Amino acid sequence: GYRSGYQSLAVTMRTPGQDFELAAGFLFGEGVIRHREEICDITYCVDPGEPQHFNQVNVLLEDSVVLDMDKFSRRVYTTSSCGICGTASLELVRKVCPELPRGNMRLPAALLYQLPSRLT
């Protein structure tokens, strides 16, 4: 359901779970927000008298966030849980995401092997 002032921005196929994190990551990846503090609230949509399907979320942004709906006139459609595939190119992601500092980052091999199971 849509509350007053809410606009539909995207449709994404996803594995259920971590819907709020997916929505926040999507907004960051699309350049809508730059910091998590720009999100006031994320809730599941609730239509009075209708069963809750937990398949739509509303995101309330800080008043300082300017949402240019014309930028999203392509009506984003994604098919992955990361939200990146809806972006026209990785170059757009690079413009929004700061480059990680270069250095001698080391991760234990055991951690790398655990990462896929942490996606669930």
PDB file of N, CA and C in Angstrom:
ATOM      1  N   GLY A   1       0.815  -1.178   0.000  1.00  0.00           N
ATOM      2  CA  GLY A   1       0.000   0.000   0.000  1.00  0.00           C
ATOM      3  C   GLY A   1       0.859   1.240   0.000  1.00  0.00           C
ATOM      4  N   TYR A   2       0.282   2.357  -0.336  1.00  0.00           N
ATOM      5  CA  TYR A   2       1.028   3.600  -0.431  1.00  0.00           C
ATOM      6  C   TYR A   2       0.457   4.627   0.529  1.00  0.00           C
ATOM      7  N   ARG A   3       1.325   5.149   1.372  1.00  0.00           N
ATOM      8  CA  ARG A   3       0.917   6.228   2.257  1.00  0.00           C
ATOM      9  C   ARG A   3       1.032   7.530   1.487  1.00  0.00           C
ATOM     10  N   SER A   4       0.370   8.540   1.962  1.00  0.00           N
ATOM     11  CA  SER A   4       0.430   9.848   1.320  1.00  0.00           C
ATOM     12  C   SER A   4       1.875  10.302   1.195  1.00  0.00           C
ATOM     13  N   GLY A   5       2.266  10.731   0.006  1.00  0.00           N
ATOM     14  CA  GLY A   5       3.613  11.224  -0.213  1.00  0.00           C
ATOM     15  C   GLY A   5       4.607  10.162  -0.636  1.00  0.00           C
ATOM     16  N   TYR A   6       4.210   8.904  -0.631  1.00  0.00           N
ATOM     17  CA  TYR A   6       5.112   7.833  -1.057  1.00  0.00           C
ATOM     18  C   TYR A   6       4.982   7.630  -2.562  1.00  0.00           C
ATOM     19  N   GLN A   7       6.099   7.305  -3.199  1.00  0.00           N
ATOM     20  CA  GLN A   7       6.106   7.027  -4.629  1.00  0.00           C
ATOM     21  C   GLN A   7       6.773   5.684  -4.868  1.00  0.00           C
ATOM     22  N   SER A   8       6.258   4.939  -5.831  1.00  0.00           N
ATOM     23  CA  SER A   8       6.857   3.658  -6.167  1.00  0.00           C
ATOM     24  C   SER A   8       8.124   3.897  -6.971  1.00  0.00           C
ATOM     25  N   LEU A   9       9.232   3.271  -6.549  1.00  0.00           N
ATOM     26  CA  LEU A   9      10.518   3.518  -7.190  1.00  0.00           C
ATOM     27  C   LEU A   9      11.057   2.305  -7.932  1.00  0.00           C
ATOM     28  N   ALA A  10      10.931   1.110  -7.379  1.00  0.00           N
ATOM     29  CA  ALA A  10      11.577  -0.048  -8.000  1.00  0.00           C
ATOM     30  C   ALA A  10      10.839  -1.335  -7.683  1.00  0.00           C
ATOM     31  N   VAL A  11      11.038  -2.297  -8.556  1.00  0.00           N
ATOM     32  CA  VAL A  11      10.572  -3.660  -8.352  1.00  0.00           C
ATOM     33  C   VAL A  11      11.799  -4.541  -8.486  1.00  0.00           C
ATOM     34  N   THR A  12      12.007  -5.418  -7.537  1.00  0.00           N
ATOM     35  CA  THR A  12      13.166  -6.305  -7.610  1.00  0.00           C
ATOM     36  C   THR A  12      12.775  -7.722  -7.229  1.00  0.00           C
ATOM     37  N   MET A  13      13.351  -8.673  -7.912  1.00  0.00           N
ATOM     38  CA  MET A  13      13.185 -10.068  -7.526  1.00  0.00           C
ATOM     39  C   MET A  13      14.234 -10.334  -6.457  1.00  0.00           C
ATOM     40  N   ARG A  14      13.828 -11.011  -5.400  1.00  0.00           N
ATOM     41  CA  ARG A  14      14.775 -11.263  -4.327  1.00  0.00           C
ATOM     42  C   ARG A  14      14.405 -12.521  -3.585  1.00  0.00           C
ATOM     43  N   THR A  15      15.386 -13.070  -2.903  1.00  0.00           N
ATOM     44  CA  THR A  15      15.130 -14.149  -1.971  1.00  0.00           C
ATOM     45  C   THR A  15      14.621 -13.488  -0.700  1.00  0.00           C
ATOM     46  N   PRO A  16      13.450 -13.879  -0.188  1.00  0.00           N
ATOM     47  CA  PRO A  16      12.927 -13.224   1.010  1.00  0.00           C
ATOM     48  C   PRO A  16      13.928 -13.229   2.162  1.00  0.00           C
ATOM     49  N   GLY A  17      13.928 -12.136   2.882  1.00  0.00           N
ATOM     50  CA  GLY A  17      14.838 -11.962   4.010  1.00  0.00           C
ATOM     51  C   GLY A  17      15.692 -10.737   3.793  1.00  0.00           C
ATOM     52  N   GLN A  18      16.016 -10.037   4.823  1.00  0.00           N
ATOM     53  CA  GLN A  18      16.829  -8.820   4.778  1.00  0.00           C
ATOM     54  C   GLN A  18      16.270  -7.796   3.783  1.00  0.00           C
ATOM     55  N   ASP A  19      14.948  -7.699   3.727  1.00  0.00           N
ATOM     56  CA  ASP A  19      14.320  -6.766   2.791  1.00  0.00           C
ATOM     57  C   ASP A  19      14.693  -5.321   3.084  1.00  0.00           C
ATOM     58  N   PHE A  20      14.811  -4.975   4.366  1.00  0.00           N
ATOM     59  CA  PHE A  20      15.146  -3.590   4.710  1.00  0.00           C
ATOM     60  C   PHE A  20      16.573  -3.268   4.284  1.00  0.00           C
ATOM     61  N   GLU A  21      17.474  -4.217   4.484  1.00  0.00           N
ATOM     62  CA  GLU A  21      18.862  -4.010   4.071  1.00  0.00           C
ATOM     63  C   GLU A  21      18.961  -3.904   2.556  1.00  0.00           C
ATOM     64  N   LEU A  22      18.178  -4.710   1.850  1.00  0.00           N
ATOM     65  CA  LEU A  22      18.159  -4.659   0.390  1.00  0.00           C
ATOM     66  C   LEU A  22      17.680  -3.291  -0.079  1.00  0.00           C
ATOM     67  N   ALA A  23      16.606  -2.780   0.524  1.00  0.00           N
ATOM     68  CA  ALA A  23      16.084  -1.470   0.131  1.00  0.00           C
ATOM     69  C   ALA A  23      17.111  -0.374   0.394  1.00  0.00           C
ATOM     70  N   ALA A  24      17.752  -0.419   1.552  1.00  0.00           N
ATOM     71  CA  ALA A  24      18.762   0.594   1.884  1.00  0.00           C
ATOM     72  C   ALA A  24      19.944   0.506   0.925  1.00  0.00           C
ATOM     73  N   GLY A  25      20.411  -0.700   0.641  1.00  0.00           N
ATOM     74  CA  GLY A  25      21.523  -0.881  -0.286  1.00  0.00           C
ATOM     75  C   GLY A  25      21.175  -0.435  -1.685  1.00  0.00           C
ATOM     76  N   PHE A  26      19.951  -0.688  -2.091  1.00  0.00           N
ATOM     77  CA  PHE A  26      19.497  -0.244  -3.405  1.00  0.00           C
ATOM     78  C   PHE A  26      19.537   1.278  -3.495  1.00  0.00           C
ATOM     79  N   LEU A  27      18.999   1.947  -2.475  1.00  0.00           N
ATOM     80  CA  LEU A  27      18.994   3.412  -2.478  1.00  0.00           C
ATOM     81  C   LEU A  27      20.408   3.977  -2.501  1.00  0.00           C
ATOM     82  N   PHE A  28      21.322   3.335  -1.795  1.00  0.00           N
ATOM     83  CA  PHE A  28      22.715   3.775  -1.812  1.00  0.00           C
ATOM     84  C   PHE A  28      23.332   3.539  -3.191  1.00  0.00           C
ATOM     85  N   GLY A  29      23.122   2.359  -3.731  1.00  0.00           N
ATOM     86  CA  GLY A  29      23.681   2.021  -5.034  1.00  0.00           C
ATOM     87  C   GLY A  29      23.169   2.898  -6.157  1.00  0.00           C
ATOM     88  N   GLU A  30      21.935   3.371  -6.033  1.00  0.00           N
ATOM     89  CA  GLU A  30      21.353   4.245  -7.047  1.00  0.00           C
ATOM     90  C   GLU A  30      21.682   5.713  -6.805  1.00  0.00           C
ATOM     91  N   GLY A  31      22.387   6.007  -5.722  1.00  0.00           N
ATOM     92  CA  GLY A  31      22.781   7.383  -5.457  1.00  0.00           C
ATOM     93  C   GLY A  31      21.709   8.237  -4.811  1.00  0.00           C
ATOM     94  N   VAL A  32      20.627   7.607  -4.339  1.00  0.00           N
ATOM     95  CA  VAL A  32      19.563   8.369  -3.677  1.00  0.00           C
ATOM     96  C   VAL A  32      20.052   8.858  -2.322  1.00  0.00           C
ATOM     97  N   ILE A  33      20.763   7.989  -1.605  1.00  0.00           N
ATOM     98  CA  ILE A  33      21.328   8.367  -0.308  1.00  0.00           C
ATOM     99  C   ILE A  33      22.841   8.183  -0.357  1.00  0.00           C
ATOM    100  N   ARG A  34      23.525   8.887   0.533  1.00  0.00           N
ATOM    101  CA  ARG A  34      24.977   8.736   0.640  1.00  0.00           C
ATOM    102  C   ARG A  34      25.382   8.187   2.013  1.00  0.00           C
ATOM    103  N   HIS A  35      24.475   8.293   2.980  1.00  0.00           N
ATOM    104  CA  HIS A  35      24.759   7.847   4.347  1.00  0.00           C
ATOM    105  C   HIS A  35      23.510   7.186   4.911  1.00  0.00           C
ATOM    106  N   ARG A  36      23.700   6.195   5.768  1.00  0.00           N
ATOM    107  CA  ARG A  36      22.545   5.501   6.345  1.00  0.00           C
ATOM    108  C   ARG A  36      21.670   6.426   7.180  1.00  0.00           C
ATOM    109  N   GLU A  37      22.267   7.498   7.710  1.00  0.00           N
ATOM    110  CA  GLU A  37      21.502   8.433   8.530  1.00  0.00           C
ATOM    111  C   GLU A  37      20.429   9.167   7.719  1.00  0.00           C
ATOM    112  N   GLU A  38      20.494   9.088   6.397  1.00  0.00           N
ATOM    113  CA  GLU A  38      19.487   9.743   5.556  1.00  0.00           C
ATOM    114  C   GLU A  38      18.192   8.935   5.480  1.00  0.00           C
ATOM    115  N   ILE A  39      18.199   7.744   6.047  1.00  0.00           N
ATOM    116  CA  ILE A  39      16.986   6.931   6.119  1.00  0.00           C
ATOM    117  C   ILE A  39      16.383   7.099   7.506  1.00  0.00           C
ATOM    118  N   CYS A  40      15.158   7.599   7.563  1.00  0.00           N
ATOM    119  CA  CYS A  40      14.464   7.760   8.848  1.00  0.00           C
ATOM    120  C   CYS A  40      13.836   6.450   9.309  1.00  0.00           C
ATOM    121  N   ASP A  41      13.251   5.716   8.351  1.00  0.00           N
ATOM    122  CA  ASP A  41      12.518   4.517   8.734  1.00  0.00           C
ATOM    123  C   ASP A  41      12.312   3.636   7.506  1.00  0.00           C
ATOM    124  N   ILE A  42      12.292   2.343   7.721  1.00  0.00           N
ATOM    125  CA  ILE A  42      11.923   1.378   6.688  1.00  0.00           C
ATOM    126  C   ILE A  42      10.897   0.451   7.319  1.00  0.00           C
ATOM    127  N   THR A  43       9.754   0.319   6.673  1.00  0.00           N
ATOM    128  CA  THR A  43       8.680  -0.521   7.201  1.00  0.00           C
ATOM    129  C   THR A  43       8.069  -1.335   6.068  1.00  0.00           C
ATOM    130  N   TYR A  44       7.423  -2.425   6.436  1.00  0.00           N
ATOM    131  CA  TYR A  44       6.644  -3.151   5.442  1.00  0.00           C
ATOM    132  C   TYR A  44       5.370  -2.370   5.169  1.00  0.00           C
ATOM    133  N   CYS A  45       4.911  -2.410   3.921  1.00  0.00           N
ATOM    134  CA  CYS A  45       3.655  -1.750   3.558  1.00  0.00           C
ATOM    135  C   CYS A  45       2.500  -2.493   4.220  1.00  0.00           C
ATOM    136  N   VAL A  46       1.569  -1.746   4.723  1.00  0.00           N
ATOM    137  CA  VAL A  46       0.408  -2.335   5.380  1.00  0.00           C
ATOM    138  C   VAL A  46      -0.843  -1.689   4.807  1.00  0.00           C
ATOM    139  N   ASP A  47      -1.697  -2.501   4.194  1.00  0.00           N
ATOM    140  CA  ASP A  47      -2.987  -2.028   3.712  1.00  0.00           C
ATOM    141  C   ASP A  47      -4.044  -2.487   4.700  1.00  0.00           C
ATOM    142  N   PRO A  48      -4.772  -1.545   5.299  1.00  0.00           N
ATOM    143  CA  PRO A  48      -5.806  -1.937   6.258  1.00  0.00           C
ATOM    144  C   PRO A  48      -6.780  -2.938   5.633  1.00  0.00           C
ATOM    145  N   GLY A  49      -7.072  -3.989   6.367  1.00  0.00           N
ATOM    146  CA  GLY A  49      -8.026  -4.986   5.894  1.00  0.00           C
ATOM    147  C   GLY A  49      -7.442  -6.010   4.933  1.00  0.00           C
ATOM    148  N   GLU A  50      -6.178  -5.883   4.588  1.00  0.00           N
ATOM    149  CA  GLU A  50      -5.528  -6.817   3.670  1.00  0.00           C
ATOM    150  C   GLU A  50      -4.495  -7.643   4.433  1.00  0.00           C
ATOM    151  N   PRO A  51      -4.279  -8.891   4.010  1.00  0.00           N
ATOM    152  CA  PRO A  51      -3.243  -9.693   4.680  1.00  0.00           C
ATOM    153  C   PRO A  51      -1.849  -9.141   4.377  1.00  0.00           C
ATOM    154  N   GLN A  52      -0.949  -9.285   5.332  1.00  0.00           N
ATOM    155  CA  GLN A  52       0.431  -8.814   5.149  1.00  0.00           C
ATOM    156  C   GLN A  52       1.215  -9.896   4.415  1.00  0.00           C
ATOM    157  N   HIS A  53       1.807  -9.530   3.287  1.00  0.00           N
ATOM    158  CA  HIS A  53       2.601 -10.484   2.507  1.00  0.00           C
ATOM    159  C   HIS A  53       4.102 -10.257   2.670  1.00  0.00           C
ATOM    160  N   PHE A  54       4.477  -9.183   3.370  1.00  0.00           N
ATOM    161  CA  PHE A  54       5.888  -8.867   3.592  1.00  0.00           C
ATOM    162  C   PHE A  54       6.677  -8.857   2.284  1.00  0.00           C
ATOM    163  N   ASN A  55       6.069  -8.263   1.243  1.00  0.00           N
ATOM    164  CA  ASN A  55       6.755  -8.203  -0.044  1.00  0.00           C
ATOM    165  C   ASN A  55       6.860  -6.786  -0.606  1.00  0.00           C
ATOM    166  N   GLN A  56       6.483  -5.794   0.176  1.00  0.00           N
ATOM    167  CA  GLN A  56       6.645  -4.396  -0.215  1.00  0.00           C
ATOM    168  C   GLN A  56       7.152  -3.629   0.993  1.00  0.00           C
ATOM    169  N   VAL A  57       8.077  -2.706   0.742  1.00  0.00           N
ATOM    170  CA  VAL A  57       8.568  -1.877   1.839  1.00  0.00           C
ATOM    171  C   VAL A  57       8.431  -0.408   1.493  1.00  0.00           C
ATOM    172  N   ASN A  58       8.235   0.381   2.519  1.00  0.00           N
ATOM    173  CA  ASN A  58       8.257   1.838   2.419  1.00  0.00           C
ATOM    174  C   ASN A  58       9.533   2.323   3.080  1.00  0.00           C
ATOM    175  N   VAL A  59      10.180   3.295   2.456  1.00  0.00           N
ATOM    176  CA  VAL A  59      11.380   3.899   3.025  1.00  0.00           C
ATOM    177  C   VAL A  59      11.103   5.384   3.197  1.00  0.00           C
ATOM    178  N   LEU A  60      11.222   5.863   4.426  1.00  0.00           N
ATOM    179  CA  LEU A  60      11.044   7.282   4.722  1.00  0.00           C
ATOM    180  C   LEU A  60      12.425   7.917   4.795  1.00  0.00           C
ATOM    181  N   LEU A  61      12.660   8.913   3.934  1.00  0.00           N
ATOM    182  CA  LEU A  61      13.963   9.568   3.858  1.00  0.00           C
ATOM    183  C   LEU A  61      13.950  10.897   4.592  1.00  0.00           C
ATOM    184  N   GLU A  62      15.128  11.324   5.021  1.00  0.00           N
ATOM    185  CA  GLU A  62      15.285  12.647   5.630  1.00  0.00           C
ATOM    186  C   GLU A  62      14.789  13.706   4.647  1.00  0.00           C
ATOM    187  N   ASP A  63      14.285  14.810   5.175  1.00  0.00           N
ATOM    188  CA  ASP A  63      13.805  15.896   4.321  1.00  0.00           C
ATOM    189  C   ASP A  63      14.904  16.450   3.420  1.00  0.00           C
ATOM    190  N   SER A  64      16.153  16.326   3.838  1.00  0.00           N
ATOM    191  CA  SER A  64      17.265  16.876   3.057  1.00  0.00           C
ATOM    192  C   SER A  64      17.567  16.062   1.795  1.00  0.00           C
ATOM    193  N   VAL A  65      17.044  14.836   1.707  1.00  0.00           N
ATOM    194  CA  VAL A  65      17.298  13.989   0.538  1.00  0.00           C
ATOM    195  C   VAL A  65      16.378  14.429  -0.596  1.00  0.00           C
ATOM    196  N   VAL A  66      16.979  14.760  -1.724  1.00  0.00           N
ATOM    197  CA  VAL A  66      16.215  15.163  -2.902  1.00  0.00           C
ATOM    198  C   VAL A  66      16.118  13.952  -3.822  1.00  0.00           C
ATOM    199  N   LEU A  67      14.913  13.481  -4.050  1.00  0.00           N
ATOM    200  CA  LEU A  67      14.687  12.318  -4.903  1.00  0.00           C
ATOM    201  C   LEU A  67      14.226  12.797  -6.266  1.00  0.00           C
ATOM    202  N   ASP A  68      15.080  12.641  -7.263  1.00  0.00           N
ATOM    203  CA  ASP A  68      14.775  13.044  -8.633  1.00  0.00           C
ATOM    204  C   ASP A  68      14.092  11.875  -9.331  1.00  0.00           C
ATOM    205  N   MET A  69      12.761  11.869  -9.343  1.00  0.00           N
ATOM    206  CA  MET A  69      12.020  10.757  -9.933  1.00  0.00           C
ATOM    207  C   MET A  69      12.246  10.653 -11.436  1.00  0.00           C
ATOM    208  N   ASP A  70      12.624  11.752 -12.099  1.00  0.00           N
ATOM    209  CA  ASP A  70      12.912  11.675 -13.530  1.00  0.00           C
ATOM    210  C   ASP A  70      14.094  10.748 -13.793  1.00  0.00           C
ATOM    211  N   LYS A  71      15.036  10.716 -12.865  1.00  0.00           N
ATOM    212  CA  LYS A  71      16.193   9.825 -12.991  1.00  0.00           C
ATOM    213  C   LYS A  71      15.747   8.366 -13.023  1.00  0.00           C
ATOM    214  N   PHE A  72      14.629   8.091 -12.374  1.00  0.00           N
ATOM    215  CA  PHE A  72      14.131   6.724 -12.289  1.00  0.00           C
ATOM    216  C   PHE A  72      12.976   6.470 -13.248  1.00  0.00           C
ATOM    217  N   SER A  73      12.871   7.295 -14.282  1.00  0.00           N
ATOM    218  CA  SER A  73      11.774   7.114 -15.227  1.00  0.00           C
ATOM    219  C   SER A  73      11.881   5.777 -15.946  1.00  0.00           C
ATOM    220  N   ARG A  74      13.069   5.172 -15.906  1.00  0.00           N
ATOM    221  CA  ARG A  74      13.230   3.847 -16.502  1.00  0.00           C
ATOM    222  C   ARG A  74      12.567   2.786 -15.634  1.00  0.00           C
ATOM    223  N   ARG A  75      12.069   3.175 -14.471  1.00  0.00           N
ATOM    224  CA  ARG A  75      11.434   2.264 -13.527  1.00  0.00           C
ATOM    225  C   ARG A  75      12.299   1.032 -13.359  1.00  0.00           C
ATOM    226  N   VAL A  76      13.195   1.108 -12.453  1.00  0.00           N
ATOM    227  CA  VAL A  76      14.217   0.100 -12.228  1.00  0.00           C
ATOM    228  C   VAL A  76      13.600  -1.275 -11.998  1.00  0.00           C
ATOM    229  N   TYR A  77      14.133  -2.281 -12.659  1.00  0.00           N
ATOM    230  CA  TYR A  77      13.740  -3.678 -12.456  1.00  0.00           C
ATOM    231  C   TYR A  77      15.011  -4.479 -12.276  1.00  0.00           C
ATOM    232  N   THR A  78      15.144  -5.141 -11.166  1.00  0.00           N
ATOM    233  CA  THR A  78      16.357  -5.910 -10.922  1.00  0.00           C
ATOM    234  C   THR A  78      16.014  -7.364 -10.691  1.00  0.00           C
ATOM    235  N   THR A  79      17.007  -8.211 -10.881  1.00  0.00           N
ATOM    236  CA  THR A  79      16.778  -9.640 -10.687  1.00  0.00           C
ATOM    237  C   THR A  79      17.822 -10.253  -9.775  1.00  0.00           C
ATOM    238  N   SER A  80      18.446  -9.439  -8.943  1.00  0.00           N
ATOM    239  CA  SER A  80      19.416 -10.004  -8.010  1.00  0.00           C
ATOM    240  C   SER A  80      19.223  -9.363  -6.659  1.00  0.00           C
ATOM    241  N   SER A  81      19.723 -10.009  -5.637  1.00  0.00           N
ATOM    242  CA  SER A  81      19.502  -9.499  -4.292  1.00  0.00           C
ATOM    243  C   SER A  81      20.405  -8.332  -3.933  1.00  0.00           C
ATOM    244  N   CYS A  82      21.355  -8.000  -4.767  1.00  0.00           N
ATOM    245  CA  CYS A  82      22.268  -6.918  -4.405  1.00  0.00           C
ATOM    246  C   CYS A  82      21.767  -5.560  -4.869  1.00  0.00           C
ATOM    247  N   GLY A  83      20.872  -5.522  -5.841  1.00  0.00           N
ATOM    248  CA  GLY A  83      20.370  -4.249  -6.335  1.00  0.00           C
ATOM    249  C   GLY A  83      21.257  -3.602  -7.372  1.00  0.00           C
ATOM    250  N   ILE A  84      22.427  -4.132  -7.618  1.00  0.00           N
ATOM    251  CA  ILE A  84      23.351  -3.515  -8.565  1.00  0.00           C
ATOM    252  C   ILE A  84      22.924  -3.747 -10.007  1.00  0.00           C
ATOM    253  N   CYS A  85      22.315  -4.911 -10.335  1.00  0.00           N
ATOM    254  CA  CYS A  85      22.013  -5.167 -11.748  1.00  0.00           C
ATOM    255  C   CYS A  85      21.029  -4.185 -12.351  1.00  0.00           C
ATOM    256  N   GLY A  86      20.253  -3.506 -11.559  1.00  0.00           N
ATOM    257  CA  GLY A  86      19.340  -2.515 -12.104  1.00  0.00           C
ATOM    258  C   GLY A  86      20.044  -1.253 -12.536  1.00  0.00           C
ATOM    259  N   THR A  87      21.300  -1.114 -12.184  1.00  0.00           N
ATOM    260  CA  THR A  87      22.075   0.058 -12.555  1.00  0.00           C
ATOM    261  C   THR A  87      22.538  -0.107 -13.987  1.00  0.00           C
ATOM    262  N   ALA A  88      22.497   0.979 -14.757  1.00  0.00           N
ATOM    263  CA  ALA A  88      22.846   0.901 -16.171  1.00  0.00           C
ATOM    264  C   ALA A  88      24.276   0.440 -16.381  1.00  0.00           C
ATOM    265  N   SER A  89      25.170   0.824 -15.516  1.00  0.00           N
ATOM    266  CA  SER A  89      26.561   0.403 -15.670  1.00  0.00           C
ATOM    267  C   SER A  89      27.273   0.464 -14.332  1.00  0.00           C
ATOM    268  N   LEU A  90      28.373  -0.260 -14.254  1.00  0.00           N
ATOM    269  CA  LEU A  90      29.172  -0.199 -13.032  1.00  0.00           C
ATOM    270  C   LEU A  90      29.813   1.167 -12.877  1.00  0.00           C
ATOM    271  N   GLU A  91      29.984   1.897 -13.977  1.00  0.00           N
ATOM    272  CA  GLU A  91      30.535   3.252 -13.890  1.00  0.00           C
ATOM    273  C   GLU A  91      29.635   4.138 -13.029  1.00  0.00           C
ATOM    274  N   LEU A  92      28.321   3.966 -13.142  1.00  0.00           N
ATOM    275  CA  LEU A  92      27.400   4.743 -12.309  1.00  0.00           C
ATOM    276  C   LEU A  92      27.586   4.397 -10.841  1.00  0.00           C
ATOM    277  N   VAL A  93      27.834   3.127 -10.552  1.00  0.00           N
ATOM    278  CA  VAL A  93      28.067   2.720  -9.167  1.00  0.00           C
ATOM    279  C   VAL A  93      29.354   3.355  -8.662  1.00  0.00           C
ATOM    280  N   ARG A  94      30.391   3.364  -9.487  1.00  0.00           N
ATOM    281  CA  ARG A  94      31.673   3.951  -9.078  1.00  0.00           C
ATOM    282  C   ARG A  94      31.547   5.441  -8.778  1.00  0.00           C
ATOM    283  N   LYS A  95      30.649   6.125  -9.465  1.00  0.00           N
ATOM    284  CA  LYS A  95      30.462   7.559  -9.212  1.00  0.00           C
ATOM    285  C   LYS A  95      29.876   7.794  -7.828  1.00  0.00           C
ATOM    286  N   VAL A  96      29.040   6.879  -7.385  1.00  0.00           N
ATOM    287  CA  VAL A  96      28.354   7.034  -6.104  1.00  0.00           C
ATOM    288  C   VAL A  96      29.177   6.475  -4.949  1.00  0.00           C
ATOM    289  N   CYS A  97      29.797   5.330  -5.162  1.00  0.00           N
ATOM    290  CA  CYS A  97      30.538   4.648  -4.101  1.00  0.00           C
ATOM    291  C   CYS A  97      31.985   5.122  -4.077  1.00  0.00           C
ATOM    292  N   PRO A  98      32.458   5.552  -2.927  1.00  0.00           N
ATOM    293  CA  PRO A  98      33.860   5.955  -2.849  1.00  0.00           C
ATOM    294  C   PRO A  98      34.771   4.740  -3.033  1.00  0.00           C
ATOM    295  N   GLU A  99      35.933   4.985  -3.608  1.00  0.00           N
ATOM    296  CA  GLU A  99      36.895   3.909  -3.800  1.00  0.00           C
ATOM    297  C   GLU A  99      37.462   3.497  -2.445  1.00  0.00           C
ATOM    298  N   LEU A 100      37.618   2.205  -2.261  1.00  0.00           N
ATOM    299  CA  LEU A 100      38.198   1.707  -1.016  1.00  0.00           C
ATOM    300  C   LEU A 100      39.682   2.037  -0.985  1.00  0.00           C
ATOM    301  N   PRO A 101      40.194   2.351   0.192  1.00  0.00           N
ATOM    302  CA  PRO A 101      41.626   2.654   0.276  1.00  0.00           C
ATOM    303  C   PRO A 101      42.458   1.431  -0.094  1.00  0.00           C
ATOM    304  N   ARG A 102      43.527   1.689  -0.794  1.00  0.00           N
ATOM    305  CA  ARG A 102      44.438   0.602  -1.171  1.00  0.00           C
ATOM    306  C   ARG A 102      45.346   0.301   0.016  1.00  0.00           C
ATOM    307  N   GLY A 103      45.711  -0.925   0.151  1.00  0.00           N
ATOM    308  CA  GLY A 103      46.579  -1.294   1.263  1.00  0.00           C
ATOM    309  C   GLY A 103      46.814  -2.778   1.287  1.00  0.00           C
ATOM    310  N   ASN A 104      47.223  -3.232   2.399  1.00  0.00           N
ATOM    311  CA  ASN A 104      47.524  -4.648   2.573  1.00  0.00           C
ATOM    312  C   ASN A 104      46.405  -5.353   3.323  1.00  0.00           C
ATOM    313  N   MET A 105      45.192  -5.224   2.840  1.00  0.00           N
ATOM    314  CA  MET A 105      44.067  -5.882   3.488  1.00  0.00           C
ATOM    315  C   MET A 105      44.224  -7.395   3.353  1.00  0.00           C
ATOM    316  N   ARG A 106      44.092  -8.065   4.461  1.00  0.00           N
ATOM    317  CA  ARG A 106      44.214  -9.524   4.458  1.00  0.00           C
ATOM    318  C   ARG A 106      43.000 -10.118   5.165  1.00  0.00           C
ATOM    319  N   LEU A 107      42.448 -11.143   4.554  1.00  0.00           N
ATOM    320  CA  LEU A 107      41.332 -11.873   5.140  1.00  0.00           C
ATOM    321  C   LEU A 107      41.735 -13.327   5.299  1.00  0.00           C
ATOM    322  N   PRO A 108      41.369 -13.923   6.413  1.00  0.00           N
ATOM    323  CA  PRO A 108      41.658 -15.352   6.574  1.00  0.00           C
ATOM    324  C   PRO A 108      40.874 -16.162   5.536  1.00  0.00           C
ATOM    325  N   ALA A 109      41.494 -17.176   4.981  1.00  0.00           N
ATOM    326  CA  ALA A 109      40.836 -18.021   3.980  1.00  0.00           C
ATOM    327  C   ALA A 109      39.543 -18.609   4.534  1.00  0.00           C
ATOM    328  N   ALA A 110      39.538 -18.973   5.804  1.00  0.00           N
ATOM    329  CA  ALA A 110      38.335 -19.556   6.418  1.00  0.00           C
ATOM    330  C   ALA A 110      37.155 -18.591   6.335  1.00  0.00           C
ATOM    331  N   LEU A 111      37.408 -17.301   6.518  1.00  0.00           N
ATOM    332  CA  LEU A 111      36.342 -16.304   6.416  1.00  0.00           C
ATOM    333  C   LEU A 111      35.789 -16.256   4.998  1.00  0.00           C
ATOM    334  N   LEU A 112      36.648 -16.272   4.008  1.00  0.00           N
ATOM    335  CA  LEU A 112      36.193 -16.252   2.615  1.00  0.00           C
ATOM    336  C   LEU A 112      35.294 -17.440   2.310  1.00  0.00           C
ATOM    337  N   TYR A 113      35.643 -18.597   2.826  1.00  0.00           N
ATOM    338  CA  TYR A 113      34.827 -19.783   2.585  1.00  0.00           C
ATOM    339  C   TYR A 113      33.480 -19.708   3.305  1.00  0.00           C
ATOM    340  N   GLN A 114      33.389 -18.935   4.380  1.00  0.00           N
ATOM    341  CA  GLN A 114      32.140 -18.801   5.139  1.00  0.00           C
ATOM    342  C   GLN A 114      31.174 -17.803   4.506  1.00  0.00           C
ATOM    343  N   LEU A 115      31.665 -16.887   3.705  1.00  0.00           N
ATOM    344  CA  LEU A 115      30.833 -15.797   3.193  1.00  0.00           C
ATOM    345  C   LEU A 115      29.584 -16.260   2.440  1.00  0.00           C
ATOM    346  N   PRO A 116      29.650 -17.244   1.541  1.00  0.00           N
ATOM    347  CA  PRO A 116      28.414 -17.656   0.860  1.00  0.00           C
ATOM    348  C   PRO A 116      27.312 -18.090   1.817  1.00  0.00           C
ATOM    349  N   SER A 117      27.660 -18.795   2.879  1.00  0.00           N
ATOM    350  CA  SER A 117      26.629 -19.251   3.817  1.00  0.00           C
ATOM    351  C   SER A 117      26.050 -18.096   4.621  1.00  0.00           C
ATOM    352  N   ARG A 118      26.759 -16.996   4.719  1.00  0.00           N
ATOM    353  CA  ARG A 118      26.256 -15.830   5.450  1.00  0.00           C
ATOM    354  C   ARG A 118      25.244 -15.032   4.639  1.00  0.00           C
ATOM    355  N   LEU A 119      25.093 -15.327   3.355  1.00  0.00           N
ATOM    356  CA  LEU A 119      24.135 -14.619   2.512  1.00  0.00           C
ATOM    357  C   LEU A 119      22.706 -15.033   2.793  1.00  0.00           C
ATOM    358  N   THR A 120      22.494 -16.116   3.482  1.00  0.00           N
ATOM    359  CA  THR A 120      21.131 -16.583   3.730  1.00  0.00           C
ATOM    360  C   THR A 120      20.544 -15.958   4.953  1.00  0.00           C
TER     361      THR A 120
END
